[in-house]
Amino acid sequence: MRKKQLMIDTVHHVPGRLRLRLGVIKRNAAAAAQACAILGSLPGVERVSANPVTGSVLIHYNPGVTAPARLGEELRLAGFAVPTATAPDPAERVVHAAVRLAIDILVERSAATLVAALI
């Protein structure tokens, strides 16, 4: 499973209504149903619906009873995402992309130099 599939992203939040994107439920109706069952069993959760086409879950909850952080944590504990501490940092992704680009450029130049030397 790719790392992107193991992340939970908050798409939209207003008190009482939370939309999350879970890569692991995208094109996976069984996982979407399982996420709904887990969230629906939590105190304060009033309604849950999941869309396996988009990979999103819409949760209506009572903000006086539960918090959005708890909802995401319950999904993490159930294996729907990696813990926040191990999720890739956006800055880290930029650095990795820059390093990959630099390596690609160096390999390309080295190959061009090698071809020129052989000709």
PDB file of N, CA and C in Angstrom:
ATOM      1  N   MET A   1       0.840  -1.175   0.000  1.00  0.00           N
ATOM      2  CA  MET A   1       0.000   0.000   0.000  1.00  0.00           C
ATOM      3  C   MET A   1       0.884   1.236   0.000  1.00  0.00           C
ATOM      4  N   ARG A   2       0.590   2.186  -0.883  1.00  0.00           N
ATOM      5  CA  ARG A   2       1.379   3.409  -0.953  1.00  0.00           C
ATOM      6  C   ARG A   2       1.122   4.272   0.260  1.00  0.00           C
ATOM      7  N   LYS A   3       2.099   5.141   0.589  1.00  0.00           N
ATOM      8  CA  LYS A   3       1.981   6.010   1.755  1.00  0.00           C
ATOM      9  C   LYS A   3       0.786   6.937   1.645  1.00  0.00           C
ATOM     10  N   LYS A   4       0.487   7.428   0.435  1.00  0.00           N
ATOM     11  CA  LYS A   4      -0.630   8.346   0.236  1.00  0.00           C
ATOM     12  C   LYS A   4      -1.926   7.690   0.697  1.00  0.00           C
ATOM     13  N   GLN A   5      -2.062   6.399   0.501  1.00  0.00           N
ATOM     14  CA  GLN A   5      -3.263   5.694   0.906  1.00  0.00           C
ATOM     15  C   GLN A   5      -3.380   5.605   2.425  1.00  0.00           C
ATOM     16  N   LEU A   6      -2.315   5.824   3.136  1.00  0.00           N
ATOM     17  CA  LEU A   6      -2.325   5.693   4.587  1.00  0.00           C
ATOM     18  C   LEU A   6      -2.425   7.032   5.299  1.00  0.00           C
ATOM     19  N   MET A   7      -2.951   8.025   4.607  1.00  0.00           N
ATOM     20  CA  MET A   7      -3.064   9.344   5.216  1.00  0.00           C
ATOM     21  C   MET A   7      -4.527   9.729   5.362  1.00  0.00           C
ATOM     22  N   ILE A   8      -4.780  10.578   6.353  1.00  0.00           N
ATOM     23  CA  ILE A   8      -6.102  11.160   6.543  1.00  0.00           C
ATOM     24  C   ILE A   8      -5.950  12.658   6.370  1.00  0.00           C
ATOM     25  N   ASP A   9      -6.687  13.224   5.430  1.00  0.00           N
ATOM     26  CA  ASP A   9      -6.638  14.663   5.195  1.00  0.00           C
ATOM     27  C   ASP A   9      -7.986  15.274   5.563  1.00  0.00           C
ATOM     28  N   THR A  10      -7.962  16.399   6.253  1.00  0.00           N
ATOM     29  CA  THR A  10      -9.194  17.129   6.526  1.00  0.00           C
ATOM     30  C   THR A  10      -9.500  17.978   5.307  1.00  0.00           C
ATOM     31  N   VAL A  11     -10.654  17.723   4.691  1.00  0.00           N
ATOM     32  CA  VAL A  11     -11.071  18.457   3.510  1.00  0.00           C
ATOM     33  C   VAL A  11     -11.823  19.717   3.930  1.00  0.00           C
ATOM     34  N   HIS A  12     -12.723  19.554   4.902  1.00  0.00           N
ATOM     35  CA  HIS A  12     -13.529  20.682   5.351  1.00  0.00           C
ATOM     36  C   HIS A  12     -14.004  20.414   6.761  1.00  0.00           C
ATOM     37  N   HIS A  13     -14.087  21.482   7.561  1.00  0.00           N
ATOM     38  CA  HIS A  13     -14.572  21.311   8.926  1.00  0.00           C
ATOM     39  C   HIS A  13     -15.279  22.569   9.403  1.00  0.00           C
ATOM     40  N   VAL A  14     -16.464  22.385   9.902  1.00  0.00           N
ATOM     41  CA  VAL A  14     -17.167  23.382  10.705  1.00  0.00           C
ATOM     42  C   VAL A  14     -17.661  22.601  11.913  1.00  0.00           C
ATOM     43  N   PRO A  15     -17.769  23.214  13.069  1.00  0.00           N
ATOM     44  CA  PRO A  15     -18.204  22.451  14.244  1.00  0.00           C
ATOM     45  C   PRO A  15     -19.489  21.667  13.958  1.00  0.00           C
ATOM     46  N   GLY A  16     -19.405  20.376  14.178  1.00  0.00           N
ATOM     47  CA  GLY A  16     -20.541  19.487  13.953  1.00  0.00           C
ATOM     48  C   GLY A  16     -20.519  18.766  12.621  1.00  0.00           C
ATOM     49  N   ARG A  17     -19.635  19.188  11.720  1.00  0.00           N
ATOM     50  CA  ARG A  17     -19.570  18.568  10.387  1.00  0.00           C
ATOM     51  C   ARG A  17     -18.111  18.512   9.948  1.00  0.00           C
ATOM     52  N   LEU A  18     -17.658  17.320   9.622  1.00  0.00           N
ATOM     53  CA  LEU A  18     -16.264  17.097   9.254  1.00  0.00           C
ATOM     54  C   LEU A  18     -16.194  16.200   8.027  1.00  0.00           C
ATOM     55  N   ARG A  19     -15.437  16.650   7.013  1.00  0.00           N
ATOM     56  CA  ARG A  19     -15.206  15.799   5.836  1.00  0.00           C
ATOM     57  C   ARG A  19     -13.730  15.446   5.808  1.00  0.00           C
ATOM     58  N   LEU A  20     -13.462  14.145   5.782  1.00  0.00           N
ATOM     59  CA  LEU A  20     -12.093  13.636   5.730  1.00  0.00           C
ATOM     60  C   LEU A  20     -11.868  12.918   4.418  1.00  0.00           C
ATOM     61  N   ARG A  21     -10.646  12.941   3.937  1.00  0.00           N
ATOM     62  CA  ARG A  21     -10.265  12.141   2.785  1.00  0.00           C
ATOM     63  C   ARG A  21      -9.359  11.040   3.288  1.00  0.00           C
ATOM     64  N   LEU A  22      -9.745   9.791   3.000  1.00  0.00           N
ATOM     65  CA  LEU A  22      -8.961   8.616   3.391  1.00  0.00           C
ATOM     66  C   LEU A  22      -8.610   7.859   2.123  1.00  0.00           C
ATOM     67  N   GLY A  23      -7.350   7.887   1.752  1.00  0.00           N
ATOM     68  CA  GLY A  23      -6.940   7.195   0.533  1.00  0.00           C
ATOM     69  C   GLY A  23      -7.256   5.711   0.552  1.00  0.00           C
ATOM     70  N   VAL A  24      -7.257   5.111   1.720  1.00  0.00           N
ATOM     71  CA  VAL A  24      -7.452   3.661   1.823  1.00  0.00           C
ATOM     72  C   VAL A  24      -8.876   3.238   1.462  1.00  0.00           C
ATOM     73  N   ILE A  25      -9.853   4.147   1.522  1.00  0.00           N
ATOM     74  CA  ILE A  25     -11.224   3.747   1.174  1.00  0.00           C
ATOM     75  C   ILE A  25     -11.552   4.025  -0.286  1.00  0.00           C
ATOM     76  N   LYS A  26     -10.652   4.727  -0.987  1.00  0.00           N
ATOM     77  CA  LYS A  26     -10.909   5.026  -2.396  1.00  0.00           C
ATOM     78  C   LYS A  26     -10.946   3.733  -3.202  1.00  0.00           C
ATOM     79  N   ARG A  27     -12.035   3.551  -3.930  1.00  0.00           N
ATOM     80  CA  ARG A  27     -12.295   2.339  -4.729  1.00  0.00           C
ATOM     81  C   ARG A  27     -12.308   1.081  -3.867  1.00  0.00           C
ATOM     82  N   ASN A  28     -12.719   1.222  -2.606  1.00  0.00           N
ATOM     83  CA  ASN A  28     -12.768   0.083  -1.687  1.00  0.00           C
ATOM     84  C   ASN A  28     -14.022   0.220  -0.818  1.00  0.00           C
ATOM     85  N   ALA A  29     -15.139  -0.295  -1.326  1.00  0.00           N
ATOM     86  CA  ALA A  29     -16.425  -0.161  -0.638  1.00  0.00           C
ATOM     87  C   ALA A  29     -16.420  -0.847   0.730  1.00  0.00           C
ATOM     88  N   ALA A  30     -15.700  -1.958   0.849  1.00  0.00           N
ATOM     89  CA  ALA A  30     -15.648  -2.665   2.135  1.00  0.00           C
ATOM     90  C   ALA A  30     -14.945  -1.820   3.195  1.00  0.00           C
ATOM     91  N   ALA A  31     -13.848  -1.185   2.821  1.00  0.00           N
ATOM     92  CA  ALA A  31     -13.132  -0.324   3.767  1.00  0.00           C
ATOM     93  C   ALA A  31     -13.970   0.905   4.106  1.00  0.00           C
ATOM     94  N   ALA A  32     -14.696   1.436   3.130  1.00  0.00           N
ATOM     95  CA  ALA A  32     -15.568   2.589   3.381  1.00  0.00           C
ATOM     96  C   ALA A  32     -16.655   2.220   4.386  1.00  0.00           C
ATOM     97  N   ALA A  33     -17.246   1.046   4.218  1.00  0.00           N
ATOM     98  CA  ALA A  33     -18.283   0.590   5.153  1.00  0.00           C
ATOM     99  C   ALA A  33     -17.701   0.372   6.551  1.00  0.00           C
ATOM    100  N   GLN A  34     -16.495  -0.156   6.607  1.00  0.00           N
ATOM    101  CA  GLN A  34     -15.846  -0.383   7.905  1.00  0.00           C
ATOM    102  C   GLN A  34     -15.556   0.950   8.604  1.00  0.00           C
ATOM    103  N   ALA A  35     -15.099   1.940   7.862  1.00  0.00           N
ATOM    104  CA  ALA A  35     -14.840   3.267   8.444  1.00  0.00           C
ATOM    105  C   ALA A  35     -16.128   3.870   8.984  1.00  0.00           C
ATOM    106  N   CYS A  36     -17.219   3.724   8.231  1.00  0.00           N
ATOM    107  CA  CYS A  36     -18.523   4.233   8.688  1.00  0.00           C
ATOM    108  C   CYS A  36     -18.960   3.524   9.966  1.00  0.00           C
ATOM    109  N   ALA A  37     -18.757   2.222  10.033  1.00  0.00           N
ATOM    110  CA  ALA A  37     -19.158   1.461  11.222  1.00  0.00           C
ATOM    111  C   ALA A  37     -18.353   1.903  12.446  1.00  0.00           C
ATOM    112  N   ILE A  38     -17.062   2.089  12.263  1.00  0.00           N
ATOM    113  CA  ILE A  38     -16.209   2.507  13.384  1.00  0.00           C
ATOM    114  C   ILE A  38     -16.625   3.884  13.879  1.00  0.00           C
ATOM    115  N   LEU A  39     -16.751   4.821  12.945  1.00  0.00           N
ATOM    116  CA  LEU A  39     -17.109   6.186  13.334  1.00  0.00           C
ATOM    117  C   LEU A  39     -18.524   6.260  13.903  1.00  0.00           C
ATOM    118  N   GLY A  40     -19.433   5.512  13.298  1.00  0.00           N
ATOM    119  CA  GLY A  40     -20.828   5.525  13.753  1.00  0.00           C
ATOM    120  C   GLY A  40     -21.014   4.982  15.151  1.00  0.00           C
ATOM    121  N   SER A  41     -20.074   4.185  15.624  1.00  0.00           N
ATOM    122  CA  SER A  41     -20.187   3.595  16.961  1.00  0.00           C
ATOM    123  C   SER A  41     -19.649   4.518  18.059  1.00  0.00           C
ATOM    124  N   LEU A  42     -19.050   5.640  17.666  1.00  0.00           N
ATOM    125  CA  LEU A  42     -18.450   6.539  18.646  1.00  0.00           C
ATOM    126  C   LEU A  42     -19.494   7.456  19.282  1.00  0.00           C
ATOM    127  N   PRO A  43     -19.331   7.752  20.569  1.00  0.00           N
ATOM    128  CA  PRO A  43     -20.252   8.679  21.218  1.00  0.00           C
ATOM    129  C   PRO A  43     -20.184  10.061  20.556  1.00  0.00           C
ATOM    130  N   GLY A  44     -21.337  10.650  20.340  1.00  0.00           N
ATOM    131  CA  GLY A  44     -21.406  11.982  19.758  1.00  0.00           C
ATOM    132  C   GLY A  44     -21.513  11.996  18.251  1.00  0.00           C
ATOM    133  N   VAL A  45     -21.275  10.878  17.588  1.00  0.00           N
ATOM    134  CA  VAL A  45     -21.384  10.824  16.131  1.00  0.00           C
ATOM    135  C   VAL A  45     -22.842  10.561  15.782  1.00  0.00           C
ATOM    136  N   GLU A  46     -23.417  11.467  15.009  1.00  0.00           N
ATOM    137  CA  GLU A  46     -24.833  11.381  14.668  1.00  0.00           C
ATOM    138  C   GLU A  46     -25.073  10.695  13.331  1.00  0.00           C
ATOM    139  N   ARG A  47     -24.257  10.999  12.322  1.00  0.00           N
ATOM    140  CA  ARG A  47     -24.403  10.402  10.991  1.00  0.00           C
ATOM    141  C   ARG A  47     -23.042  10.305  10.335  1.00  0.00           C
ATOM    142  N   VAL A  48     -22.858   9.259   9.559  1.00  0.00           N
ATOM    143  CA  VAL A  48     -21.610   9.076   8.808  1.00  0.00           C
ATOM    144  C   VAL A  48     -21.968   8.555   7.427  1.00  0.00           C
ATOM    145  N   SER A  49     -21.331   9.110   6.415  1.00  0.00           N
ATOM    146  CA  SER A  49     -21.476   8.554   5.069  1.00  0.00           C
ATOM    147  C   SER A  49     -20.105   8.585   4.405  1.00  0.00           C
ATOM    148  N   ALA A  50     -19.850   7.573   3.608  1.00  0.00           N
ATOM    149  CA  ALA A  50     -18.557   7.472   2.916  1.00  0.00           C
ATOM    150  C   ALA A  50     -18.798   7.344   1.424  1.00  0.00           C
ATOM    151  N   ASN A  51     -17.887   7.869   0.655  1.00  0.00           N
ATOM    152  CA  ASN A  51     -17.958   7.774  -0.792  1.00  0.00           C
ATOM    153  C   ASN A  51     -16.668   7.122  -1.285  1.00  0.00           C
ATOM    154  N   PRO A  52     -16.733   5.829  -1.638  1.00  0.00           N
ATOM    155  CA  PRO A  52     -15.520   5.152  -2.104  1.00  0.00           C
ATOM    156  C   PRO A  52     -15.021   5.654  -3.462  1.00  0.00           C
ATOM    157  N   VAL A  53     -15.847   6.375  -4.193  1.00  0.00           N
ATOM    158  CA  VAL A  53     -15.398   6.931  -5.472  1.00  0.00           C
ATOM    159  C   VAL A  53     -14.400   8.064  -5.225  1.00  0.00           C
ATOM    160  N   THR A  54     -14.713   8.940  -4.269  1.00  0.00           N
ATOM    161  CA  THR A  54     -13.837  10.073  -3.968  1.00  0.00           C
ATOM    162  C   THR A  54     -12.879   9.787  -2.819  1.00  0.00           C
ATOM    163  N   GLY A  55     -13.161   8.757  -2.027  1.00  0.00           N
ATOM    164  CA  GLY A  55     -12.330   8.443  -0.871  1.00  0.00           C
ATOM    165  C   GLY A  55     -12.597   9.362   0.305  1.00  0.00           C
ATOM    166  N   SER A  56     -13.811   9.932   0.363  1.00  0.00           N
ATOM    167  CA  SER A  56     -14.095  10.855   1.460  1.00  0.00           C
ATOM    168  C   SER A  56     -15.162  10.300   2.399  1.00  0.00           C
ATOM    169  N   VAL A  57     -15.111  10.791   3.632  1.00  0.00           N
ATOM    170  CA  VAL A  57     -16.075  10.413   4.669  1.00  0.00           C
ATOM    171  C   VAL A  57     -16.640  11.707   5.241  1.00  0.00           C
ATOM    172  N   LEU A  58     -17.955  11.787   5.302  1.00  0.00           N
ATOM    173  CA  LEU A  58     -18.631  12.940   5.888  1.00  0.00           C
ATOM    174  C   LEU A  58     -19.191  12.521   7.236  1.00  0.00           C
ATOM    175  N   ILE A  59     -18.819  13.259   8.274  1.00  0.00           N
ATOM    176  CA  ILE A  59     -19.213  12.917   9.645  1.00  0.00           C
ATOM    177  C   ILE A  59     -19.971  14.098  10.246  1.00  0.00           C
ATOM    178  N   HIS A  60     -21.187  13.834  10.699  1.00  0.00           N
ATOM    179  CA  HIS A  60     -21.960  14.816  11.461  1.00  0.00           C
ATOM    180  C   HIS A  60     -21.849  14.378  12.916  1.00  0.00           C
ATOM    181  N   TYR A  61     -21.403  15.293  13.767  1.00  0.00           N
ATOM    182  CA  TYR A  61     -21.172  14.930  15.156  1.00  0.00           C
ATOM    183  C   TYR A  61     -21.625  16.055  16.073  1.00  0.00           C
ATOM    184  N   ASN A  62     -21.782  15.720  17.335  1.00  0.00           N
ATOM    185  CA  ASN A  62     -22.142  16.693  18.356  1.00  0.00           C
ATOM    186  C   ASN A  62     -20.843  17.231  18.957  1.00  0.00           C
ATOM    187  N   PRO A  63     -20.500  18.501  18.701  1.00  0.00           N
ATOM    188  CA  PRO A  63     -19.237  19.043  19.208  1.00  0.00           C
ATOM    189  C   PRO A  63     -19.171  19.120  20.731  1.00  0.00           C
ATOM    190  N   GLY A  64     -20.309  19.022  21.404  1.00  0.00           N
ATOM    191  CA  GLY A  64     -20.307  19.014  22.862  1.00  0.00           C
ATOM    192  C   GLY A  64     -19.923  17.667  23.436  1.00  0.00           C
ATOM    193  N   VAL A  65     -19.917  16.640  22.580  1.00  0.00           N
ATOM    194  CA  VAL A  65     -19.639  15.276  23.048  1.00  0.00           C
ATOM    195  C   VAL A  65     -18.299  14.756  22.550  1.00  0.00           C
ATOM    196  N   THR A  66     -17.940  15.090  21.317  1.00  0.00           N
ATOM    197  CA  THR A  66     -16.679  14.584  20.754  1.00  0.00           C
ATOM    198  C   THR A  66     -15.976  15.688  19.977  1.00  0.00           C
ATOM    199  N   ALA A  67     -14.730  15.443  19.655  1.00  0.00           N
ATOM    200  CA  ALA A  67     -13.913  16.419  18.931  1.00  0.00           C
ATOM    201  C   ALA A  67     -13.415  15.806  17.627  1.00  0.00           C
ATOM    202  N   PRO A  68     -13.179  16.635  16.614  1.00  0.00           N
ATOM    203  CA  PRO A  68     -12.685  16.110  15.335  1.00  0.00           C
ATOM    204  C   PRO A  68     -11.383  15.330  15.477  1.00  0.00           C
ATOM    205  N   ALA A  69     -10.508  15.768  16.360  1.00  0.00           N
ATOM    206  CA  ALA A  69      -9.231  15.058  16.549  1.00  0.00           C
ATOM    207  C   ALA A  69      -9.471  13.626  17.018  1.00  0.00           C
ATOM    208  N   ARG A  70     -10.481  13.432  17.852  1.00  0.00           N
ATOM    209  CA  ARG A  70     -10.781  12.079  18.331  1.00  0.00           C
ATOM    210  C   ARG A  70     -11.271  11.201  17.189  1.00  0.00           C
ATOM    211  N   LEU A  71     -12.042  11.765  16.281  1.00  0.00           N
ATOM    212  CA  LEU A  71     -12.561  10.990  15.155  1.00  0.00           C
ATOM    213  C   LEU A  71     -11.408  10.491  14.279  1.00  0.00           C
ATOM    214  N   GLY A  72     -10.480  11.394  13.963  1.00  0.00           N
ATOM    215  CA  GLY A  72      -9.309  10.988  13.178  1.00  0.00           C
ATOM    216  C   GLY A  72      -8.451   9.983  13.917  1.00  0.00           C
ATOM    217  N   GLU A  73      -8.297  10.167  15.219  1.00  0.00           N
ATOM    218  CA  GLU A  73      -7.484   9.246  16.021  1.00  0.00           C
ATOM    219  C   GLU A  73      -8.094   7.846  16.032  1.00  0.00           C
ATOM    220  N   GLU A  74      -9.411   7.759  16.123  1.00  0.00           N
ATOM    221  CA  GLU A  74     -10.065   6.445  16.100  1.00  0.00           C
ATOM    222  C   GLU A  74      -9.813   5.737  14.768  1.00  0.00           C
ATOM    223  N   LEU A  75      -9.836   6.482  13.681  1.00  0.00           N
ATOM    224  CA  LEU A  75      -9.530   5.878  12.375  1.00  0.00           C
ATOM    225  C   LEU A  75      -8.074   5.423  12.312  1.00  0.00           C
ATOM    226  N   ARG A  76      -7.177   6.212  12.877  1.00  0.00           N
ATOM    227  CA  ARG A  76      -5.763   5.811  12.913  1.00  0.00           C
ATOM    228  C   ARG A  76      -5.575   4.539  13.726  1.00  0.00           C
ATOM    229  N   LEU A  77      -6.230   4.488  14.889  1.00  0.00           N
ATOM    230  CA  LEU A  77      -6.118   3.299  15.744  1.00  0.00           C
ATOM    231  C   LEU A  77      -6.668   2.058  15.052  1.00  0.00           C
ATOM    232  N   ALA A  78      -7.655   2.257  14.177  1.00  0.00           N
ATOM    233  CA  ALA A  78      -8.245   1.130  13.449  1.00  0.00           C
ATOM    234  C   ALA A  78      -7.424   0.751  12.215  1.00  0.00           C
ATOM    235  N   GLY A  79      -6.319   1.475  11.969  1.00  0.00           N
ATOM    236  CA  GLY A  79      -5.440   1.115  10.860  1.00  0.00           C
ATOM    237  C   GLY A  79      -5.736   1.822   9.560  1.00  0.00           C
ATOM    238  N   PHE A  80      -6.554   2.873   9.595  1.00  0.00           N
ATOM    239  CA  PHE A  80      -6.879   3.586   8.371  1.00  0.00           C
ATOM    240  C   PHE A  80      -5.833   4.615   7.983  1.00  0.00           C
ATOM    241  N   ALA A  81      -4.852   4.864   8.840  1.00  0.00           N
ATOM    242  CA  ALA A  81      -3.807   5.841   8.513  1.00  0.00           C
ATOM    243  C   ALA A  81      -2.610   5.638   9.421  1.00  0.00           C
ATOM    244  N   VAL A  82      -1.495   6.165   8.973  1.00  0.00           N
ATOM    245  CA  VAL A  82      -0.299   6.151   9.808  1.00  0.00           C
ATOM    246  C   VAL A  82      -0.457   7.221  10.874  1.00  0.00           C
ATOM    247  N   PRO A  83       0.174   7.067  12.012  1.00  0.00           N
ATOM    248  CA  PRO A  83       0.120   8.128  13.023  1.00  0.00           C
ATOM    249  C   PRO A  83       0.683   9.426  12.464  1.00  0.00           C
ATOM    250  N   THR A  84       0.186  10.527  12.952  1.00  0.00           N
ATOM    251  CA  THR A  84       0.601  11.841  12.461  1.00  0.00           C
ATOM    252  C   THR A  84       2.113  12.010  12.504  1.00  0.00           C
ATOM    253  N   ALA A  85       2.754  11.474  13.533  1.00  0.00           N
ATOM    254  CA  ALA A  85       4.203  11.648  13.688  1.00  0.00           C
ATOM    255  C   ALA A  85       4.974  11.014  12.537  1.00  0.00           C
ATOM    256  N   THR A  86       4.421   9.982  11.888  1.00  0.00           N
ATOM    257  CA  THR A  86       5.139   9.318  10.806  1.00  0.00           C
ATOM    258  C   THR A  86       4.630   9.724   9.430  1.00  0.00           C
ATOM    259  N   ALA A  87       3.612  10.560   9.373  1.00  0.00           N
ATOM    260  CA  ALA A  87       3.131  11.031   8.081  1.00  0.00           C
ATOM    261  C   ALA A  87       4.190  11.953   7.478  1.00  0.00           C
ATOM    262  N   PRO A  88       4.360  11.909   6.160  1.00  0.00           N
ATOM    263  CA  PRO A  88       5.398  12.725   5.551  1.00  0.00           C
ATOM    264  C   PRO A  88       5.139  14.219   5.744  1.00  0.00           C
ATOM    265  N   ASP A  89       6.184  14.942   6.073  1.00  0.00           N
ATOM    266  CA  ASP A  89       6.128  16.384   6.251  1.00  0.00           C
ATOM    267  C   ASP A  89       6.169  17.032   4.879  1.00  0.00           C
ATOM    268  N   PRO A  90       5.330  18.046   4.615  1.00  0.00           N
ATOM    269  CA  PRO A  90       5.353  18.693   3.292  1.00  0.00           C
ATOM    270  C   PRO A  90       6.737  19.222   2.919  1.00  0.00           C
ATOM    271  N   ALA A  91       7.471  19.773   3.871  1.00  0.00           N
ATOM    272  CA  ALA A  91       8.818  20.270   3.575  1.00  0.00           C
ATOM    273  C   ALA A  91       9.738  19.119   3.175  1.00  0.00           C
ATOM    274  N   GLU A  92       9.550  17.986   3.830  1.00  0.00           N
ATOM    275  CA  GLU A  92      10.362  16.805   3.501  1.00  0.00           C
ATOM    276  C   GLU A  92      10.091  16.353   2.069  1.00  0.00           C
ATOM    277  N   ARG A  93       8.823  16.418   1.653  1.00  0.00           N
ATOM    278  CA  ARG A  93       8.483  16.022   0.286  1.00  0.00           C
ATOM    279  C   ARG A  93       9.142  16.949  -0.723  1.00  0.00           C
ATOM    280  N   VAL A  94       9.192  18.255  -0.421  1.00  0.00           N
ATOM    281  CA  VAL A  94       9.835  19.216  -1.321  1.00  0.00           C
ATOM    282  C   VAL A  94      11.327  18.918  -1.439  1.00  0.00           C
ATOM    283  N   VAL A  95      11.967  18.641  -0.311  1.00  0.00           N
ATOM    284  CA  VAL A  95      13.394  18.325  -0.325  1.00  0.00           C
ATOM    285  C   VAL A  95      13.651  17.061  -1.142  1.00  0.00           C
ATOM    286  N   HIS A  96      12.827  16.039  -0.935  1.00  0.00           N
ATOM    287  CA  HIS A  96      13.007  14.791  -1.693  1.00  0.00           C
ATOM    288  C   HIS A  96      12.817  15.030  -3.192  1.00  0.00           C
ATOM    289  N   ALA A  97      11.837  15.850  -3.555  1.00  0.00           N
ATOM    290  CA  ALA A  97      11.611  16.147  -4.969  1.00  0.00           C
ATOM    291  C   ALA A  97      12.802  16.888  -5.565  1.00  0.00           C
ATOM    292  N   ALA A  98      13.363  17.836  -4.811  1.00  0.00           N
ATOM    293  CA  ALA A  98      14.533  18.586  -5.288  1.00  0.00           C
ATOM    294  C   ALA A  98      15.739  17.674  -5.459  1.00  0.00           C
ATOM    295  N   VAL A  99      15.939  16.767  -4.524  1.00  0.00           N
ATOM    296  CA  VAL A  99      17.061  15.826  -4.614  1.00  0.00           C
ATOM    297  C   VAL A  99      16.887  14.910  -5.818  1.00  0.00           C
ATOM    298  N   ARG A 100      15.650  14.409  -6.024  1.00  0.00           N
ATOM    299  CA  ARG A 100      15.400  13.546  -7.189  1.00  0.00           C
ATOM    300  C   ARG A 100      15.672  14.290  -8.491  1.00  0.00           C
ATOM    301  N   LEU A 101      15.256  15.556  -8.553  1.00  0.00           N
ATOM    302  CA  LEU A 101      15.486  16.366  -9.750  1.00  0.00           C
ATOM    303  C   LEU A 101      16.981  16.569  -9.986  1.00  0.00           C
ATOM    304  N   ALA A 102      17.716  16.887  -8.928  1.00  0.00           N
ATOM    305  CA  ALA A 102      19.163  17.086  -9.052  1.00  0.00           C
ATOM    306  C   ALA A 102      19.851  15.806  -9.535  1.00  0.00           C
ATOM    307  N   ILE A 103      19.452  14.679  -9.009  1.00  0.00           N
ATOM    308  CA  ILE A 103      20.038  13.396  -9.423  1.00  0.00           C
ATOM    309  C   ILE A 103      19.712  13.126 -10.888  1.00  0.00           C
ATOM    310  N   ASP A 104      18.472  13.375 -11.300  1.00  0.00           N
ATOM    311  CA  ASP A 104      18.095  13.167 -12.702  1.00  0.00           C
ATOM    312  C   ASP A 104      18.931  14.029 -13.637  1.00  0.00           C
ATOM    313  N   ILE A 105      19.148  15.292 -13.250  1.00  0.00           N
ATOM    314  CA  ILE A 105      19.951  16.195 -14.081  1.00  0.00           C
ATOM    315  C   ILE A 105      21.394  15.699 -14.163  1.00  0.00           C
ATOM    316  N   LEU A 106      21.968  15.291 -13.035  1.00  0.00           N
ATOM    317  CA  LEU A 106      23.347  14.793 -13.030  1.00  0.00           C
ATOM    318  C   LEU A 106      23.497  13.529 -13.864  1.00  0.00           C
ATOM    319  N   VAL A 107      22.545  12.626 -13.767  1.00  0.00           N
ATOM    320  CA  VAL A 107      22.604  11.387 -14.564  1.00  0.00           C
ATOM    321  C   VAL A 107      22.501  11.720 -16.042  1.00  0.00           C
ATOM    322  N   GLU A 108      21.602  12.635 -16.387  1.00  0.00           N
ATOM    323  CA  GLU A 108      21.437  13.023 -17.783  1.00  0.00           C
ATOM    324  C   GLU A 108      22.725  13.643 -18.333  1.00  0.00           C
ATOM    325  N   ARG A 109      23.339  14.520 -17.562  1.00  0.00           N
ATOM    326  CA  ARG A 109      24.600  15.157 -18.006  1.00  0.00           C
ATOM    327  C   ARG A 109      25.728  14.130 -18.093  1.00  0.00           C
ATOM    328  N   SER A 110      25.768  13.213 -17.149  1.00  0.00           N
ATOM    329  CA  SER A 110      26.802  12.186 -17.184  1.00  0.00           C
ATOM    330  C   SER A 110      26.632  11.305 -18.420  1.00  0.00           C
ATOM    331  N   ALA A 111      25.397  10.963 -18.736  1.00  0.00           N
ATOM    332  CA  ALA A 111      25.148  10.140 -19.911  1.00  0.00           C
ATOM    333  C   ALA A 111      25.545  10.889 -21.179  1.00  0.00           C
ATOM    334  N   ALA A 112      25.214  12.182 -21.240  1.00  0.00           N
ATOM    335  CA  ALA A 112      25.584  12.981 -22.415  1.00  0.00           C
ATOM    336  C   ALA A 112      27.094  13.079 -22.558  1.00  0.00           C
ATOM    337  N   THR A 113      27.800  13.249 -21.440  1.00  0.00           N
ATOM    338  CA  THR A 113      29.252  13.322 -21.456  1.00  0.00           C
ATOM    339  C   THR A 113      29.852  11.996 -21.915  1.00  0.00           C
ATOM    340  N   LEU A 114      29.309  10.894 -21.448  1.00  0.00           N
ATOM    341  CA  LEU A 114      29.785   9.579 -21.831  1.00  0.00           C
ATOM    342  C   LEU A 114      29.579   9.334 -23.312  1.00  0.00           C
ATOM    343  N   VAL A 115      28.410   9.688 -23.826  1.00  0.00           N
ATOM    344  CA  VAL A 115      28.127   9.506 -25.260  1.00  0.00           C
ATOM    345  C   VAL A 115      29.093  10.373 -26.080  1.00  0.00           C
ATOM    346  N   ALA A 116      29.305  11.611 -25.645  1.00  0.00           N
ATOM    347  CA  ALA A 116      30.205  12.515 -26.382  1.00  0.00           C
ATOM    348  C   ALA A 116      31.636  11.957 -26.382  1.00  0.00           C
ATOM    349  N   ALA A 117      32.039  11.353 -25.287  1.00  0.00           N
ATOM    350  CA  ALA A 117      33.400  10.795 -25.207  1.00  0.00           C
ATOM    351  C   ALA A 117      33.546   9.592 -26.116  1.00  0.00           C
ATOM    352  N   LEU A 118      32.493   8.835 -26.302  1.00  0.00           N
ATOM    353  CA  LEU A 118      32.545   7.647 -27.147  1.00  0.00           C
ATOM    354  C   LEU A 118      32.488   7.984 -28.634  1.00  0.00           C
ATOM    355  N   ILE A 119      31.967   9.148 -28.940  1.00  0.00           N
ATOM    356  CA  ILE A 119      31.843   9.526 -30.364  1.00  0.00           C
ATOM    357  C   ILE A 119      33.089  10.133 -30.807  1.00  0.00           C
TER     358      ILE A 119
END
